[in-house]
C-alpha cells in the first residue's frame, strides 16, 4: 500500500490555526461548543422514537 504523505493533514495544526492554541479563551470556547454539539448528537441518536434498543 502506497501512502502519499502530502495528503495527510495534521488536525492539531489546523485547529491551532482556526481556533488558536490550547489554553487560550478562543480555543476553550471552541472546545466547549464542540463538546456540546457532540453530546447533543449522541443524545439525539439515542432518543429516537421506536428505538427500544
PDB file of N, CA and C in Angstrom:
ATOM      1  N   UNK A   1       0.843  -1.178   0.000  1.00  0.00           N
ATOM      2  CA  UNK A   1       0.000   0.000   0.000  1.00  0.00           C
ATOM      3  C   UNK A   1       0.885   1.236   0.000  1.00  0.00           C
ATOM      4  N   UNK A   2       0.671   2.126  -0.938  1.00  0.00           N
ATOM      5  CA  UNK A   2       1.417   3.384  -1.009  1.00  0.00           C
ATOM      6  C   UNK A   2       0.653   4.475  -0.274  1.00  0.00           C
ATOM      7  N   UNK A   3       1.361   5.279   0.480  1.00  0.00           N
ATOM      8  CA  UNK A   3       0.761   6.392   1.193  1.00  0.00           C
ATOM      9  C   UNK A   3       1.395   7.680   0.719  1.00  0.00           C
ATOM     10  N   UNK A   4       0.580   8.600   0.300  1.00  0.00           N
ATOM     11  CA  UNK A   4       1.060   9.907  -0.114  1.00  0.00           C
ATOM     12  C   UNK A   4       0.975  10.832   1.094  1.00  0.00           C
ATOM     13  N   UNK A   5       2.115  11.100   1.727  1.00  0.00           N
ATOM     14  CA  UNK A   5       2.123  11.892   2.956  1.00  0.00           C
ATOM     15  C   UNK A   5       1.644  13.312   2.737  1.00  0.00           C
ATOM     16  N   UNK A   6       1.694  13.807   1.511  1.00  0.00           N
ATOM     17  CA  UNK A   6       1.204  15.153   1.244  1.00  0.00           C
ATOM     18  C   UNK A   6      -0.307  15.232   1.425  1.00  0.00           C
ATOM     19  N   UNK A   7      -0.976  14.112   1.378  1.00  0.00           N
ATOM     20  CA  UNK A   7      -2.423  14.097   1.531  1.00  0.00           C
ATOM     21  C   UNK A   7      -2.842  14.072   3.000  1.00  0.00           C
ATOM     22  N   UNK A   8      -1.930  13.762   3.897  1.00  0.00           N
ATOM     23  CA  UNK A   8      -2.250  13.702   5.311  1.00  0.00           C
ATOM     24  C   UNK A   8      -2.286  15.106   5.898  1.00  0.00           C
ATOM     25  N   UNK A   9      -3.250  15.344   6.776  1.00  0.00           N
ATOM     26  CA  UNK A   9      -3.413  16.653   7.396  1.00  0.00           C
ATOM     27  C   UNK A   9      -3.209  16.530   8.902  1.00  0.00           C
ATOM     28  N   UNK A  10      -2.425  17.425   9.449  1.00  0.00           N
ATOM     29  CA  UNK A  10      -2.231  17.489  10.895  1.00  0.00           C
ATOM     30  C   UNK A  10      -3.409  18.275  11.476  1.00  0.00           C
ATOM     31  N   UNK A  11      -4.393  17.559  12.027  1.00  0.00           N
ATOM     32  CA  UNK A  11      -5.603  18.197  12.522  1.00  0.00           C
ATOM     33  C   UNK A  11      -5.290  19.158  13.669  1.00  0.00           C
ATOM     34  N   UNK A  12      -4.340  18.823  14.510  1.00  0.00           N
ATOM     35  CA  UNK A  12      -3.979  19.722  15.611  1.00  0.00           C
ATOM     36  C   UNK A  12      -3.501  21.068  15.081  1.00  0.00           C
ATOM     37  N   UNK A  13      -2.696  21.048  14.039  1.00  0.00           N
ATOM     38  CA  UNK A  13      -2.211  22.293  13.446  1.00  0.00           C
ATOM     39  C   UNK A  13      -3.354  23.091  12.837  1.00  0.00           C
ATOM     40  N   UNK A  14      -4.299  22.387  12.203  1.00  0.00           N
ATOM     41  CA  UNK A  14      -5.454  23.074  11.619  1.00  0.00           C
ATOM     42  C   UNK A  14      -6.315  23.714  12.705  1.00  0.00           C
ATOM     43  N   UNK A  15      -6.527  23.001  13.804  1.00  0.00           N
ATOM     44  CA  UNK A  15      -7.287  23.568  14.913  1.00  0.00           C
ATOM     45  C   UNK A  15      -6.565  24.779  15.508  1.00  0.00           C
ATOM     46  N   UNK A  16      -5.254  24.689  15.635  1.00  0.00           N
ATOM     47  CA  UNK A  16      -4.478  25.814  16.157  1.00  0.00           C
ATOM     48  C   UNK A  16      -4.623  27.041  15.259  1.00  0.00           C
ATOM     49  N   UNK A  17      -4.589  26.829  13.936  1.00  0.00           N
ATOM     50  CA  UNK A  17      -4.728  27.951  13.004  1.00  0.00           C
ATOM     51  C   UNK A  17      -6.123  28.565  13.079  1.00  0.00           C
ATOM     52  N   UNK A  18      -7.120  27.722  13.148  1.00  0.00           N
ATOM     53  CA  UNK A  18      -8.502  28.191  13.085  1.00  0.00           C
ATOM     54  C   UNK A  18      -9.008  28.734  14.424  1.00  0.00           C
ATOM     55  N   UNK A  19      -8.640  28.067  15.533  1.00  0.00           N
ATOM     56  CA  UNK A  19      -9.221  28.384  16.837  1.00  0.00           C
ATOM     57  C   UNK A  19      -8.183  28.735  17.894  1.00  0.00           C
ATOM     58  N   UNK A  20      -6.954  29.002  17.501  1.00  0.00           N
ATOM     59  CA  UNK A  20      -5.865  29.364  18.398  1.00  0.00           C
ATOM     60  C   UNK A  20      -5.374  28.144  19.179  1.00  0.00           C
ATOM     61  N   UNK A  21      -4.344  28.335  19.953  1.00  0.00           N
ATOM     62  CA  UNK A  21      -3.687  27.231  20.659  1.00  0.00           C
ATOM     63  C   UNK A  21      -4.491  26.794  21.881  1.00  0.00           C
ATOM     64  N   UNK A  22      -4.311  25.543  22.305  1.00  0.00           N
ATOM     65  CA  UNK A  22      -4.974  25.088  23.528  1.00  0.00           C
ATOM     66  C   UNK A  22      -4.601  25.978  24.710  1.00  0.00           C
ATOM     67  N   UNK A  23      -5.570  26.230  25.568  1.00  0.00           N
ATOM     68  CA  UNK A  23      -5.341  27.074  26.740  1.00  0.00           C
ATOM     69  C   UNK A  23      -5.749  28.517  26.546  1.00  0.00           C
ATOM     70  N   UNK A  24      -6.041  28.909  25.304  1.00  0.00           N
ATOM     71  CA  UNK A  24      -6.488  30.282  25.045  1.00  0.00           C
ATOM     72  C   UNK A  24      -8.008  30.350  25.177  1.00  0.00           C
ATOM     73  N   UNK A  25      -8.549  31.528  25.460  1.00  0.00           N
ATOM     74  CA  UNK A  25     -10.008  31.655  25.578  1.00  0.00           C
ATOM     75  C   UNK A  25     -10.745  31.243  24.291  1.00  0.00           C
ATOM     76  N   UNK A  26     -10.165  31.551  23.140  1.00  0.00           N
ATOM     77  CA  UNK A  26     -10.802  31.192  21.869  1.00  0.00           C
ATOM     78  C   UNK A  26     -10.910  29.677  21.726  1.00  0.00           C
ATOM     79  N   UNK A  27      -9.836  28.973  22.074  1.00  0.00           N
ATOM     80  CA  UNK A  27      -9.834  27.518  21.959  1.00  0.00           C
ATOM     81  C   UNK A  27     -10.764  26.901  22.993  1.00  0.00           C
ATOM     82  N   UNK A  28     -10.806  27.457  24.189  1.00  0.00           N
ATOM     83  CA  UNK A  28     -11.697  26.950  25.232  1.00  0.00           C
ATOM     84  C   UNK A  28     -13.153  27.087  24.786  1.00  0.00           C
ATOM     85  N   UNK A  29     -13.491  28.205  24.157  1.00  0.00           N
ATOM     86  CA  UNK A  29     -14.848  28.414  23.645  1.00  0.00           C
ATOM     87  C   UNK A  29     -15.160  27.386  22.564  1.00  0.00           C
ATOM     88  N   UNK A  30     -14.236  27.166  21.645  1.00  0.00           N
ATOM     89  CA  UNK A  30     -14.434  26.164  20.601  1.00  0.00           C
ATOM     90  C   UNK A  30     -14.627  24.780  21.204  1.00  0.00           C
ATOM     91  N   UNK A  31     -13.765  24.403  22.145  1.00  0.00           N
ATOM     92  CA  UNK A  31     -13.853  23.079  22.764  1.00  0.00           C
ATOM     93  C   UNK A  31     -15.208  22.882  23.447  1.00  0.00           C
ATOM     94  N   UNK A  32     -15.673  23.912  24.143  1.00  0.00           N
ATOM     95  CA  UNK A  32     -16.953  23.831  24.837  1.00  0.00           C
ATOM     96  C   UNK A  32     -18.102  23.667  23.836  1.00  0.00           C
ATOM     97  N   UNK A  33     -18.083  24.453  22.762  1.00  0.00           N
ATOM     98  CA  UNK A  33     -19.146  24.366  21.760  1.00  0.00           C
ATOM     99  C   UNK A  33     -19.089  23.030  21.010  1.00  0.00           C
ATOM    100  N   UNK A  34     -17.900  22.541  20.724  1.00  0.00           N
ATOM    101  CA  UNK A  34     -17.765  21.266  20.029  1.00  0.00           C
ATOM    102  C   UNK A  34     -18.266  20.122  20.902  1.00  0.00           C
ATOM    103  N   UNK A  35     -17.962  20.159  22.185  1.00  0.00           N
ATOM    104  CA  UNK A  35     -18.422  19.108  23.090  1.00  0.00           C
ATOM    105  C   UNK A  35     -19.942  19.146  23.236  1.00  0.00           C
ATOM    106  N   UNK A  36     -20.512  20.359  23.307  1.00  0.00           N
ATOM    107  CA  UNK A  36     -21.973  20.489  23.396  1.00  0.00           C
ATOM    108  C   UNK A  36     -22.631  19.925  22.137  1.00  0.00           C
ATOM    109  N   UNK A  37     -22.062  20.201  20.974  1.00  0.00           N
ATOM    110  CA  UNK A  37     -22.596  19.678  19.717  1.00  0.00           C
ATOM    111  C   UNK A  37     -22.519  18.153  19.712  1.00  0.00           C
ATOM    112  N   UNK A  38     -21.379  17.617  20.078  1.00  0.00           N
ATOM    113  CA  UNK A  38     -21.174  16.161  20.122  1.00  0.00           C
ATOM    114  C   UNK A  38     -22.172  15.503  21.080  1.00  0.00           C
ATOM    115  N   UNK A  39     -22.310  16.059  22.270  1.00  0.00           N
ATOM    116  CA  UNK A  39     -23.210  15.500  23.269  1.00  0.00           C
ATOM    117  C   UNK A  39     -24.644  15.518  22.771  1.00  0.00           C
ATOM    118  N   UNK A  40     -25.047  16.614  22.124  1.00  0.00           N
ATOM    119  CA  UNK A  40     -26.391  16.704  21.569  1.00  0.00           C
ATOM    120  C   UNK A  40     -26.614  15.627  20.509  1.00  0.00           C
ATOM    121  N   UNK A  41     -25.630  15.391  19.675  1.00  0.00           N
ATOM    122  CA  UNK A  41     -25.751  14.351  18.643  1.00  0.00           C
ATOM    123  C   UNK A  41     -25.909  12.977  19.273  1.00  0.00           C
ATOM    124  N   UNK A  42     -25.122  12.687  20.275  1.00  0.00           N
ATOM    125  CA  UNK A  42     -25.203  11.389  20.940  1.00  0.00           C
ATOM    126  C   UNK A  42     -26.566  11.214  21.593  1.00  0.00           C
ATOM    127  N   UNK A  43     -27.034  12.233  22.297  1.00  0.00           N
ATOM    128  CA  UNK A  43     -28.329  12.135  22.959  1.00  0.00           C
ATOM    129  C   UNK A  43     -29.461  12.029  21.943  1.00  0.00           C
ATOM    130  N   UNK A  44     -29.381  12.757  20.855  1.00  0.00           N
ATOM    131  CA  UNK A  44     -30.410  12.705  19.810  1.00  0.00           C
ATOM    132  C   UNK A  44     -30.457  11.321  19.175  1.00  0.00           C
ATOM    133  N   UNK A  45     -29.297  10.736  18.923  1.00  0.00           N
ATOM    134  CA  UNK A  45     -29.245   9.396  18.328  1.00  0.00           C
ATOM    135  C   UNK A  45     -29.850   8.347  19.249  1.00  0.00           C
ATOM    136  N   UNK A  46     -29.715   8.549  20.534  1.00  0.00           N
ATOM    137  CA  UNK A  46     -30.207   7.562  21.494  1.00  0.00           C
ATOM    138  C   UNK A  46     -31.665   7.789  21.881  1.00  0.00           C
ATOM    139  N   UNK A  47     -32.286   8.859  21.400  1.00  0.00           N
ATOM    140  CA  UNK A  47     -33.645   9.190  21.816  1.00  0.00           C
ATOM    141  C   UNK A  47     -34.647   9.059  20.666  1.00  0.00           C
ATOM    142  N   UNK A  48     -34.318   8.290  19.649  1.00  0.00           N
ATOM    143  CA  UNK A  48     -35.228   8.111  18.522  1.00  0.00           C
ATOM    144  C   UNK A  48     -36.478   7.348  18.956  1.00  0.00           C
ATOM    145  N   UNK A  49     -37.645   7.851  18.582  1.00  0.00           N
ATOM    146  CA  UNK A  49     -38.880   7.112  18.908  1.00  0.00           C
ATOM    147  C   UNK A  49     -38.885   5.733  18.251  1.00  0.00           C
ATOM    148  N   UNK A  50     -39.363   4.763  18.974  1.00  0.00           N
ATOM    149  CA  UNK A  50     -39.468   3.417  18.432  1.00  0.00           C
ATOM    150  C   UNK A  50     -38.192   2.611  18.502  1.00  0.00           C
ATOM    151  N   UNK A  51     -37.117   3.215  18.938  1.00  0.00           N
ATOM    152  CA  UNK A  51     -35.846   2.508  19.052  1.00  0.00           C
ATOM    153  C   UNK A  51     -35.707   2.031  20.498  1.00  0.00           C
ATOM    154  N   UNK A  52     -36.155   0.836  20.738  1.00  0.00           N
ATOM    155  CA  UNK A  52     -36.154   0.278  22.081  1.00  0.00           C
ATOM    156  C   UNK A  52     -34.804  -0.313  22.467  1.00  0.00           C
ATOM    157  N   UNK A  53     -33.857  -0.320  21.533  1.00  0.00           N
ATOM    158  CA  UNK A  53     -32.592  -0.941  21.584  1.00  0.00           C
ATOM    159  C   UNK A  53     -31.744  -0.901  22.720  1.00  0.00           C
TER     160      UNK A  53
END
